[in-house]
PDB file of N, CA and C in Angstrom:
ATOM      1  N   MET A   1      18.317 -38.417  52.832  1.00  0.00           N
ATOM      2  CA  MET A   1      18.061 -38.748  51.433  1.00  0.00           C
ATOM      3  C   MET A   1      18.259 -40.251  51.265  1.00  0.00           C
ATOM      4  N   ASP A   2      17.268 -40.888  50.681  1.00  0.00           N
ATOM      5  CA  ASP A   2      17.407 -42.325  50.442  1.00  0.00           C
ATOM      6  C   ASP A   2      18.053 -42.568  49.078  1.00  0.00           C
ATOM      7  N   LYS A   3      18.336 -43.820  48.784  1.00  0.00           N
ATOM      8  CA  LYS A   3      19.046 -44.160  47.552  1.00  0.00           C
ATOM      9  C   LYS A   3      18.263 -43.765  46.307  1.00  0.00           C
ATOM     10  N   SER A   4      16.965 -43.917  46.345  1.00  0.00           N
ATOM     11  CA  SER A   4      16.143 -43.557  45.189  1.00  0.00           C
ATOM     12  C   SER A   4      16.220 -42.055  44.913  1.00  0.00           C
ATOM     13  N   ASP A   5      16.100 -41.253  45.962  1.00  0.00           N
ATOM     14  CA  ASP A   5      16.214 -39.800  45.808  1.00  0.00           C
ATOM     15  C   ASP A   5      17.607 -39.400  45.318  1.00  0.00           C
ATOM     16  N   ALA A   6      18.621 -40.077  45.850  1.00  0.00           N
ATOM     17  CA  ALA A   6      19.998 -39.793  45.454  1.00  0.00           C
ATOM     18  C   ALA A   6      20.213 -40.129  43.984  1.00  0.00           C
ATOM     19  N   GLU A   7      19.644 -41.230  43.526  1.00  0.00           N
ATOM     20  CA  GLU A   7      19.773 -41.638  42.125  1.00  0.00           C
ATOM     21  C   GLU A   7      19.091 -40.628  41.207  1.00  0.00           C
ATOM     22  N   ILE A   8      17.922 -40.164  41.596  1.00  0.00           N
ATOM     23  CA  ILE A   8      17.193 -39.153  40.816  1.00  0.00           C
ATOM     24  C   ILE A   8      17.995 -37.851  40.765  1.00  0.00           C
ATOM     25  N   LEU A   9      18.498 -37.435  41.919  1.00  0.00           N
ATOM     26  CA  LEU A   9      19.294 -36.209  41.986  1.00  0.00           C
ATOM     27  C   LEU A   9      20.544 -36.314  41.117  1.00  0.00           C
ATOM     28  N   LEU A  10      21.217 -37.454  41.180  1.00  0.00           N
ATOM     29  CA  LEU A  10      22.420 -37.671  40.375  1.00  0.00           C
ATOM     30  C   LEU A  10      22.094 -37.609  38.885  1.00  0.00           C
ATOM     31  N   ASN A  11      21.054 -38.303  38.472  1.00  0.00           N
ATOM     32  CA  ASN A  11      20.689 -38.312  37.047  1.00  0.00           C
ATOM     33  C   ASN A  11      20.243 -36.940  36.570  1.00  0.00           C
ATOM     34  N   ASP A  12      19.448 -36.240  37.379  1.00  0.00           N
ATOM     35  CA  ASP A  12      19.019 -34.893  37.013  1.00  0.00           C
ATOM     36  C   ASP A  12      20.212 -33.954  36.881  1.00  0.00           C
ATOM     37  N   SER A  13      21.135 -34.049  37.819  1.00  0.00           N
ATOM     38  CA  SER A  13      22.322 -33.189  37.791  1.00  0.00           C
ATOM     39  C   SER A  13      23.188 -33.503  36.581  1.00  0.00           C
ATOM     40  N   ARG A  14      23.343 -34.766  36.274  1.00  0.00           N
ATOM     41  CA  ARG A  14      24.137 -35.145  35.098  1.00  0.00           C
ATOM     42  C   ARG A  14      23.477 -34.676  33.806  1.00  0.00           C
ATOM     43  N   ASN A  15      22.158 -34.757  33.747  1.00  0.00           N
ATOM     44  CA  ASN A  15      21.448 -34.267  32.555  1.00  0.00           C
ATOM     45  C   ASN A  15      21.637 -32.766  32.397  1.00  0.00           C
ATOM     46  N   LYS A  16      21.591 -32.035  33.483  1.00  0.00           N
ATOM     47  CA  LYS A  16      21.816 -30.588  33.437  1.00  0.00           C
ATOM     48  C   LYS A  16      23.240 -30.282  32.986  1.00  0.00           C
ATOM     49  N   ILE A  17      24.195 -31.051  33.495  1.00  0.00           N
ATOM     50  CA  ILE A  17      25.594 -30.867  33.091  1.00  0.00           C
ATOM     51  C   ILE A  17      25.755 -31.148  31.603  1.00  0.00           C
ATOM     52  N   ASP A  18      25.113 -32.194  31.098  1.00  0.00           N
ATOM     53  CA  ASP A  18      25.181 -32.494  29.665  1.00  0.00           C
ATOM     54  C   ASP A  18      24.635 -31.327  28.844  1.00  0.00           C
ATOM     55  N   GLU A  19      23.537 -30.745  29.286  1.00  0.00           N
ATOM     56  CA  GLU A  19      22.940 -29.601  28.592  1.00  0.00           C
ATOM     57  C   GLU A  19      23.870 -28.389  28.637  1.00  0.00           C
ATOM     58  N   ILE A  20      24.454 -28.139  29.797  1.00  0.00           N
ATOM     59  CA  ILE A  20      25.398 -27.028  29.943  1.00  0.00           C
ATOM     60  C   ILE A  20      26.623 -27.259  29.064  1.00  0.00           C
ATOM     61  N   ASP A  21      27.126 -28.489  29.048  1.00  0.00           N
ATOM     62  CA  ASP A  21      28.290 -28.809  28.202  1.00  0.00           C
ATOM     63  C   ASP A  21      27.989 -28.547  26.732  1.00  0.00           C
ATOM     64  N   ASN A  22      26.789 -28.887  26.287  1.00  0.00           N
ATOM     65  CA  ASN A  22      26.408 -28.601  24.896  1.00  0.00           C
ATOM     66  C   ASN A  22      26.396 -27.103  24.643  1.00  0.00           C
ATOM     67  N   ASN A  23      25.881 -26.343  25.599  1.00  0.00           N
ATOM     68  CA  ASN A  23      25.868 -24.884  25.469  1.00  0.00           C
ATOM     69  C   ASN A  23      27.288 -24.322  25.432  1.00  0.00           C
ATOM     70  N   ILE A  24      28.148 -24.844  26.294  1.00  0.00           N
ATOM     71  CA  ILE A  24      29.546 -24.394  26.323  1.00  0.00           C
ATOM     72  C   ILE A  24      30.211 -24.672  24.975  1.00  0.00           C
ATOM     73  N   LEU A  25      30.011 -25.869  24.459  1.00  0.00           N
ATOM     74  CA  LEU A  25      30.608 -26.232  23.163  1.00  0.00           C
ATOM     75  C   LEU A  25      30.121 -25.297  22.061  1.00  0.00           C
ATOM     76  N   ASN A  26      28.829 -25.032  22.032  1.00  0.00           N
ATOM     77  CA  ASN A  26      28.289 -24.118  21.018  1.00  0.00           C
ATOM     78  C   ASN A  26      28.863 -22.716  21.175  1.00  0.00           C
ATOM     79  N   LEU A  27      29.044 -22.263  22.400  1.00  0.00           N
ATOM     80  CA  LEU A  27      29.627 -20.942  22.627  1.00  0.00           C
ATOM     81  C   LEU A  27      31.098 -20.895  22.221  1.00  0.00           C
ATOM     82  N   ILE A  28      31.827 -21.985  22.465  1.00  0.00           N
ATOM     83  CA  ILE A  28      33.228 -22.044  22.041  1.00  0.00           C
ATOM     84  C   ILE A  28      33.298 -21.963  20.513  1.00  0.00           C
ATOM     85  N   LEU A  29      32.426 -22.695  19.847  1.00  0.00           N
ATOM     86  CA  LEU A  29      32.408 -22.657  18.378  1.00  0.00           C
ATOM     87  C   LEU A  29      32.037 -21.267  17.872  1.00  0.00           C
ATOM     88  N   GLU A  30      31.084 -20.635  18.521  1.00  0.00           N
ATOM     89  CA  GLU A  30      30.696 -19.277  18.129  1.00  0.00           C
ATOM     90  C   GLU A  30      31.841 -18.297  18.369  1.00  0.00           C
ATOM     91  N   ARG A  31      32.491 -18.437  19.518  1.00  0.00           N
ATOM     92  CA  ARG A  31      33.628 -17.569  19.857  1.00  0.00           C
ATOM     93  C   ARG A  31      34.750 -17.736  18.835  1.00  0.00           C
ATOM     94  N   THR A  32      35.042 -18.981  18.495  1.00  0.00           N
ATOM     95  CA  THR A  32      36.113 -19.293  17.563  1.00  0.00           C
ATOM     96  C   THR A  32      35.798 -18.795  16.155  1.00  0.00           C
ATOM     97  N   SER A  33      34.513 -18.772  15.818  1.00  0.00           N
ATOM     98  CA  SER A  33      34.131 -18.333  14.476  1.00  0.00           C
ATOM     99  C   SER A  33      34.440 -16.853  14.233  1.00  0.00           C
ATOM    100  N   LEU A  34      34.726 -16.107  15.275  1.00  0.00           N
ATOM    101  CA  LEU A  34      35.050 -14.688  15.142  1.00  0.00           C
ATOM    102  C   LEU A  34      36.515 -14.444  14.785  1.00  0.00           C
ATOM    103  N   ALA A  35      37.310 -15.503  14.742  1.00  0.00           N
ATOM    104  CA  ALA A  35      38.752 -15.368  14.498  1.00  0.00           C
ATOM    105  C   ALA A  35      39.061 -14.644  13.194  1.00  0.00           C
ATOM    106  N   LYS A  36      38.331 -14.960  12.138  1.00  0.00           N
ATOM    107  CA  LYS A  36      38.610 -14.327  10.844  1.00  0.00           C
ATOM    108  C   LYS A  36      38.365 -12.821  10.927  1.00  0.00           C
ATOM    109  N   ASP A  37      37.266 -12.408  11.547  1.00  0.00           N
ATOM    110  CA  ASP A  37      36.977 -10.984  11.698  1.00  0.00           C
ATOM    111  C   ASP A  37      38.042 -10.290  12.541  1.00  0.00           C
ATOM    112  N   ILE A  38      38.456 -10.963  13.605  1.00  0.00           N
ATOM    113  CA  ILE A  38      39.441 -10.367  14.512  1.00  0.00           C
ATOM    114  C   ILE A  38      40.772 -10.168  13.802  1.00  0.00           C
ATOM    115  N   ILE A  39      41.255 -11.186  13.096  1.00  0.00           N
ATOM    116  CA  ILE A  39      42.554 -11.056  12.448  1.00  0.00           C
ATOM    117  C   ILE A  39      42.476 -10.073  11.283  1.00  0.00           C
ATOM    118  N   THR A  40      41.330  -9.990  10.608  1.00  0.00           N
ATOM    119  CA  THR A  40      41.157  -9.010   9.534  1.00  0.00           C
ATOM    120  C   THR A  40      41.287  -7.597  10.094  1.00  0.00           C
ATOM    121  N   ALA A  41      40.637  -7.360  11.231  1.00  0.00           N
ATOM    122  CA  ALA A  41      40.710  -6.044  11.874  1.00  0.00           C
ATOM    123  C   ALA A  41      42.118  -5.768  12.391  1.00  0.00           C
ATOM    124  N   LYS A  42      42.756  -6.773  12.982  1.00  0.00           N
ATOM    125  CA  LYS A  42      44.118  -6.587  13.489  1.00  0.00           C
ATOM    126  C   LYS A  42      45.077  -6.228  12.357  1.00  0.00           C
ATOM    127  N   LYS A  43      44.928  -6.882  11.207  1.00  0.00           N
ATOM    128  CA  LYS A  43      45.787  -6.563  10.062  1.00  0.00           C
ATOM    129  C   LYS A  43      45.578  -5.114   9.632  1.00  0.00           C
ATOM    130  N   ALA A  44      44.329  -4.704   9.524  1.00  0.00           N
ATOM    131  CA  ALA A  44      44.018  -3.339   9.084  1.00  0.00           C
ATOM    132  C   ALA A  44      44.534  -2.303  10.085  1.00  0.00           C
ATOM    133  N   LEU A  45      44.559  -2.672  11.350  1.00  0.00           N
ATOM    134  CA  LEU A  45      45.032  -1.760  12.391  1.00  0.00           C
ATOM    135  C   LEU A  45      46.523  -1.933  12.685  1.00  0.00           C
ATOM    136  N   ASN A  46      47.167  -2.827  11.938  1.00  0.00           N
ATOM    137  CA  ASN A  46      48.585  -3.120  12.121  1.00  0.00           C
ATOM    138  C   ASN A  46      48.889  -3.566  13.566  1.00  0.00           C
ATOM    139  N   LYS A  47      48.023  -4.445  14.070  1.00  0.00           N
ATOM    140  CA  LYS A  47      48.201  -4.974  15.424  1.00  0.00           C
ATOM    141  C   LYS A  47      48.766  -6.385  15.349  1.00  0.00           C
ATOM    142  N   ASP A  48      49.500  -6.753  16.381  1.00  0.00           N
ATOM    143  CA  ASP A  48      50.047  -8.098  16.470  1.00  0.00           C
ATOM    144  C   ASP A  48      48.946  -9.106  16.786  1.00  0.00           C
ATOM    145  N   LEU A  49      49.245 -10.358  16.494  1.00  0.00           N
ATOM    146  CA  LEU A  49      48.329 -11.443  16.813  1.00  0.00           C
ATOM    147  C   LEU A  49      48.064 -11.476  18.315  1.00  0.00           C
ATOM    148  N   PHE A  50      49.115 -11.368  19.108  1.00  0.00           N
ATOM    149  CA  PHE A  50      48.982 -11.413  20.564  1.00  0.00           C
ATOM    150  C   PHE A  50      48.900  -9.997  21.106  1.00  0.00           C
ATOM    151  N   ASP A  51      47.887  -9.739  21.889  1.00  0.00           N
ATOM    152  CA  ASP A  51      47.671  -8.426  22.496  1.00  0.00           C
ATOM    153  C   ASP A  51      47.646  -8.599  24.009  1.00  0.00           C
ATOM    154  N   SER A  52      48.788  -8.388  24.647  1.00  0.00           N
ATOM    155  CA  SER A  52      48.891  -8.617  26.091  1.00  0.00           C
ATOM    156  C   SER A  52      47.956  -7.718  26.889  1.00  0.00           C
ATOM    157  N   SER A  53      47.696  -6.509  26.399  1.00  0.00           N
ATOM    158  CA  SER A  53      46.797  -5.617  27.134  1.00  0.00           C
ATOM    159  C   SER A  53      45.373  -6.183  27.145  1.00  0.00           C
ATOM    160  N   ARG A  54      44.967  -6.795  26.040  1.00  0.00           N
ATOM    161  CA  ARG A  54      43.638  -7.418  25.986  1.00  0.00           C
ATOM    162  C   ARG A  54      43.559  -8.585  26.960  1.00  0.00           C
ATOM    163  N   GLU A  55      44.621  -9.377  27.015  1.00  0.00           N
ATOM    164  CA  GLU A  55      44.653 -10.517  27.942  1.00  0.00           C
ATOM    165  C   GLU A  55      44.552 -10.032  29.390  1.00  0.00           C
ATOM    166  N   GLU A  56      45.238  -8.939  29.699  1.00  0.00           N
ATOM    167  CA  GLU A  56      45.188  -8.370  31.049  1.00  0.00           C
ATOM    168  C   GLU A  56      43.782  -7.878  31.384  1.00  0.00           C
ATOM    169  N   ILE A  57      43.118  -7.255  30.434  1.00  0.00           N
ATOM    170  CA  ILE A  57      41.747  -6.776  30.634  1.00  0.00           C
ATOM    171  C   ILE A  57      40.817  -7.951  30.934  1.00  0.00           C
ATOM    172  N   ILE A  58      40.959  -9.009  30.167  1.00  0.00           N
ATOM    173  CA  ILE A  58      40.124 -10.196  30.374  1.00  0.00           C
ATOM    174  C   ILE A  58      40.380 -10.793  31.750  1.00  0.00           C
ATOM    175  N   HIS A  59      41.641 -10.927  32.125  1.00  0.00           N
ATOM    176  CA  HIS A  59      41.969 -11.488  33.439  1.00  0.00           C
ATOM    177  C   HIS A  59      41.388 -10.630  34.562  1.00  0.00           C
ATOM    178  N   LYS A  60      41.512  -9.327  34.426  1.00  0.00           N
ATOM    179  CA  LYS A  60      40.989  -8.426  35.456  1.00  0.00           C
ATOM    180  C   LYS A  60      39.471  -8.562  35.554  1.00  0.00           C
ATOM    181  N   LYS A  61      38.811  -8.602  34.410  1.00  0.00           N
ATOM    182  CA  LYS A  61      37.356  -8.741  34.376  1.00  0.00           C
ATOM    183  C   LYS A  61      36.916 -10.040  35.059  1.00  0.00           C
ATOM    184  N   ILE A  62      37.632 -11.116  34.792  1.00  0.00           N
ATOM    185  CA  ILE A  62      37.298 -12.412  35.389  1.00  0.00           C
ATOM    186  C   ILE A  62      37.541 -12.379  36.893  1.00  0.00           C
ATOM    187  N   ARG A  63      38.689 -11.840  37.289  1.00  0.00           N
ATOM    188  CA  ARG A  63      38.981 -11.750  38.731  1.00  0.00           C
ATOM    189  C   ARG A  63      37.902 -10.946  39.456  1.00  0.00           C
ATOM    190  N   ASN A  64      37.474  -9.841  38.866  1.00  0.00           N
ATOM    191  CA  ASN A  64      36.427  -9.021  39.486  1.00  0.00           C
ATOM    192  C   ASN A  64      35.106  -9.776  39.566  1.00  0.00           C
ATOM    193  N   ALA A  65      34.763 -10.476  38.494  1.00  0.00           N
ATOM    194  CA  ALA A  65      33.499 -11.215  38.454  1.00  0.00           C
ATOM    195  C   ALA A  65      33.472 -12.355  39.468  1.00  0.00           C
ATOM    196  N   LEU A  66      34.637 -12.908  39.757  1.00  0.00           N
ATOM    197  CA  LEU A  66      34.704 -14.065  40.659  1.00  0.00           C
ATOM    198  C   LEU A  66      35.154 -13.711  42.070  1.00  0.00           C
ATOM    199  N   ALA A  67      35.348 -12.431  42.337  1.00  0.00           N
ATOM    200  CA  ALA A  67      35.906 -12.004  43.623  1.00  0.00           C
ATOM    201  C   ALA A  67      35.138 -12.547  44.819  1.00  0.00           C
ATOM    202  N   ASP A  68      33.831 -12.590  44.720  1.00  0.00           N
ATOM    203  CA  ASP A  68      33.037 -13.045  45.859  1.00  0.00           C
ATOM    204  C   ASP A  68      32.431 -14.430  45.638  1.00  0.00           C
ATOM    205  N   LYS A  69      32.977 -15.160  44.672  1.00  0.00           N
ATOM    206  CA  LYS A  69      32.486 -16.504  44.361  1.00  0.00           C
ATOM    207  C   LYS A  69      33.427 -17.554  44.942  1.00  0.00           C
ATOM    208  N   ASP A  70      32.859 -18.669  45.309  1.00  0.00           N
ATOM    209  CA  ASP A  70      33.639 -19.770  45.867  1.00  0.00           C
ATOM    210  C   ASP A  70      34.042 -20.718  44.741  1.00  0.00           C
ATOM    211  N   ILE A  71      35.030 -20.262  43.965  1.00  0.00           N
ATOM    212  CA  ILE A  71      35.530 -21.048  42.838  1.00  0.00           C
ATOM    213  C   ILE A  71      37.009 -20.726  42.672  1.00  0.00           C
ATOM    214  N   ASN A  72      37.746 -21.665  42.141  1.00  0.00           N
ATOM    215  CA  ASN A  72      39.173 -21.480  41.945  1.00  0.00           C
ATOM    216  C   ASN A  72      39.394 -20.544  40.748  1.00  0.00           C
ATOM    217  N   THR A  73      39.656 -19.287  41.053  1.00  0.00           N
ATOM    218  CA  THR A  73      39.824 -18.257  40.018  1.00  0.00           C
ATOM    219  C   THR A  73      40.951 -18.599  39.062  1.00  0.00           C
ATOM    220  N   GLU A  74      42.041 -19.128  39.567  1.00  0.00           N
ATOM    221  CA  GLU A  74      43.182 -19.454  38.709  1.00  0.00           C
ATOM    222  C   GLU A  74      42.818 -20.519  37.680  1.00  0.00           C
ATOM    223  N   LYS A  75      42.008 -21.473  38.075  1.00  0.00           N
ATOM    224  CA  LYS A  75      41.584 -22.515  37.127  1.00  0.00           C
ATOM    225  C   LYS A  75      40.657 -21.928  36.058  1.00  0.00           C
ATOM    226  N   VAL A  76      39.787 -21.006  36.461  1.00  0.00           N
ATOM    227  CA  VAL A  76      38.917 -20.353  35.484  1.00  0.00           C
ATOM    228  C   VAL A  76      39.768 -19.541  34.507  1.00  0.00           C
ATOM    229  N   LEU A  77      40.777 -18.864  35.025  1.00  0.00           N
ATOM    230  CA  LEU A  77      41.682 -18.112  34.152  1.00  0.00           C
ATOM    231  C   LEU A  77      42.405 -19.036  33.175  1.00  0.00           C
ATOM    232  N   GLU A  78      42.750 -20.231  33.624  1.00  0.00           N
ATOM    233  CA  GLU A  78      43.379 -21.204  32.730  1.00  0.00           C
ATOM    234  C   GLU A  78      42.442 -21.567  31.583  1.00  0.00           C
ATOM    235  N   ILE A  79      41.155 -21.699  31.886  1.00  0.00           N
ATOM    236  CA  ILE A  79      40.172 -22.001  30.835  1.00  0.00           C
ATOM    237  C   ILE A  79      40.141 -20.866  29.818  1.00  0.00           C
ATOM    238  N   TYR A  80      40.104 -19.633  30.314  1.00  0.00           N
ATOM    239  CA  TYR A  80      40.094 -18.491  29.396  1.00  0.00           C
ATOM    240  C   TYR A  80      41.391 -18.394  28.601  1.00  0.00           C
ATOM    241  N   ASP A  81      42.498 -18.744  29.214  1.00  0.00           N
ATOM    242  CA  ASP A  81      43.764 -18.751  28.476  1.00  0.00           C
ATOM    243  C   ASP A  81      43.736 -19.797  27.365  1.00  0.00           C
ATOM    244  N   LEU A  82      43.116 -20.943  27.639  1.00  0.00           N
ATOM    245  CA  LEU A  82      42.970 -21.966  26.594  1.00  0.00           C
ATOM    246  C   LEU A  82      42.077 -21.462  25.462  1.00  0.00           C
ATOM    247  N   LEU A  83      41.007 -20.767  25.809  1.00  0.00           N
ATOM    248  CA  LEU A  83      40.144 -20.193  24.782  1.00  0.00           C
ATOM    249  C   LEU A  83      40.908 -19.176  23.937  1.00  0.00           C
ATOM    250  N   ALA A  84      41.738 -18.377  24.583  1.00  0.00           N
ATOM    251  CA  ALA A  84      42.548 -17.397  23.852  1.00  0.00           C
ATOM    252  C   ALA A  84      43.531 -18.098  22.924  1.00  0.00           C
ATOM    253  N   THR A  85      44.109 -19.193  23.391  1.00  0.00           N
ATOM    254  CA  THR A  85      45.036 -19.969  22.566  1.00  0.00           C
ATOM    255  C   THR A  85      44.327 -20.524  21.335  1.00  0.00           C
ATOM    256  N   ILE A  86      43.134 -21.061  21.531  1.00  0.00           N
ATOM    257  CA  ILE A  86      42.357 -21.579  20.403  1.00  0.00           C
ATOM    258  C   ILE A  86      42.062 -20.453  19.421  1.00  0.00           C
ATOM    259  N   SER A  87      41.695 -19.287  19.940  1.00  0.00           N
ATOM    260  CA  SER A  87      41.394 -18.143  19.087  1.00  0.00           C
ATOM    261  C   SER A  87      42.615 -17.734  18.267  1.00  0.00           C
ATOM    262  N   LYS A  88      43.774 -17.680  18.908  1.00  0.00           N
ATOM    263  CA  LYS A  88      44.999 -17.306  18.194  1.00  0.00           C
ATOM    264  C   LYS A  88      45.329 -18.338  17.117  1.00  0.00           C
ATOM    265  N   GLU A  89      45.138 -19.616  17.430  1.00  0.00           N
ATOM    266  CA  GLU A  89      45.393 -20.659  16.437  1.00  0.00           C
ATOM    267  C   GLU A  89      44.475 -20.483  15.229  1.00  0.00           C
ATOM    268  N   GLU A  90      43.218 -20.159  15.493  1.00  0.00           N
ATOM    269  CA  GLU A  90      42.272 -19.911  14.394  1.00  0.00           C
ATOM    270  C   GLU A  90      42.678 -18.677  13.602  1.00  0.00           C
ATOM    271  N   GLN A  91      43.082 -17.640  14.303  1.00  0.00           N
ATOM    272  CA  GLN A  91      43.500 -16.397  13.623  1.00  0.00           C
ATOM    273  C   GLN A  91      44.688 -16.650  12.712  1.00  0.00           C
ATOM    274  N   ARG A  92      45.616 -17.494  13.158  1.00  0.00           N
ATOM    275  CA  ARG A  92      46.809 -17.798  12.348  1.00  0.00           C
ATOM    276  C   ARG A  92      46.428 -18.400  11.002  1.00  0.00           C
ATOM    277  N   LYS A  93      45.305 -19.089  10.954  1.00  0.00           N
ATOM    278  CA  LYS A  93      44.852 -19.707   9.698  1.00  0.00           C
ATOM    279  C   LYS A  93      44.590 -18.651   8.626  1.00  0.00           C
ATOM    280  N   TYR A  94      44.289 -17.417   9.060  1.00  0.00           N
ATOM    281  CA  TYR A  94      43.909 -16.362   8.135  1.00  0.00           C
ATOM    282  C   TYR A  94      45.028 -15.349   7.895  1.00  0.00           C
ATOM    283  N   LEU A  95      46.209 -15.612   8.456  1.00  0.00           N
ATOM    284  CA  LEU A  95      47.330 -14.711   8.232  1.00  0.00           C
ATOM    285  C   LEU A  95      47.916 -14.886   6.838  1.00  0.00           C
TER     286      LEU A  95
END
């Protein structure tokens, strides 16, 4: 690969990453927008804000999905834990 090809590949890859990042951000906002519905349902069902069984289900699902993938599963789980934290913070707004 010459420098010109490498530059094109780098720019194309960065553009794709920018597009993916925009999609991720929109999905995070969409996910977070469900906080009011979730806490409303939890109140009606007399459930706590934190549901450890739900967290375990999510972790298991992620581990299974990534079992044969070459990616750091623990880091992906950290991302999901951060998403859960954001969701709980949003839910607290409606308590």
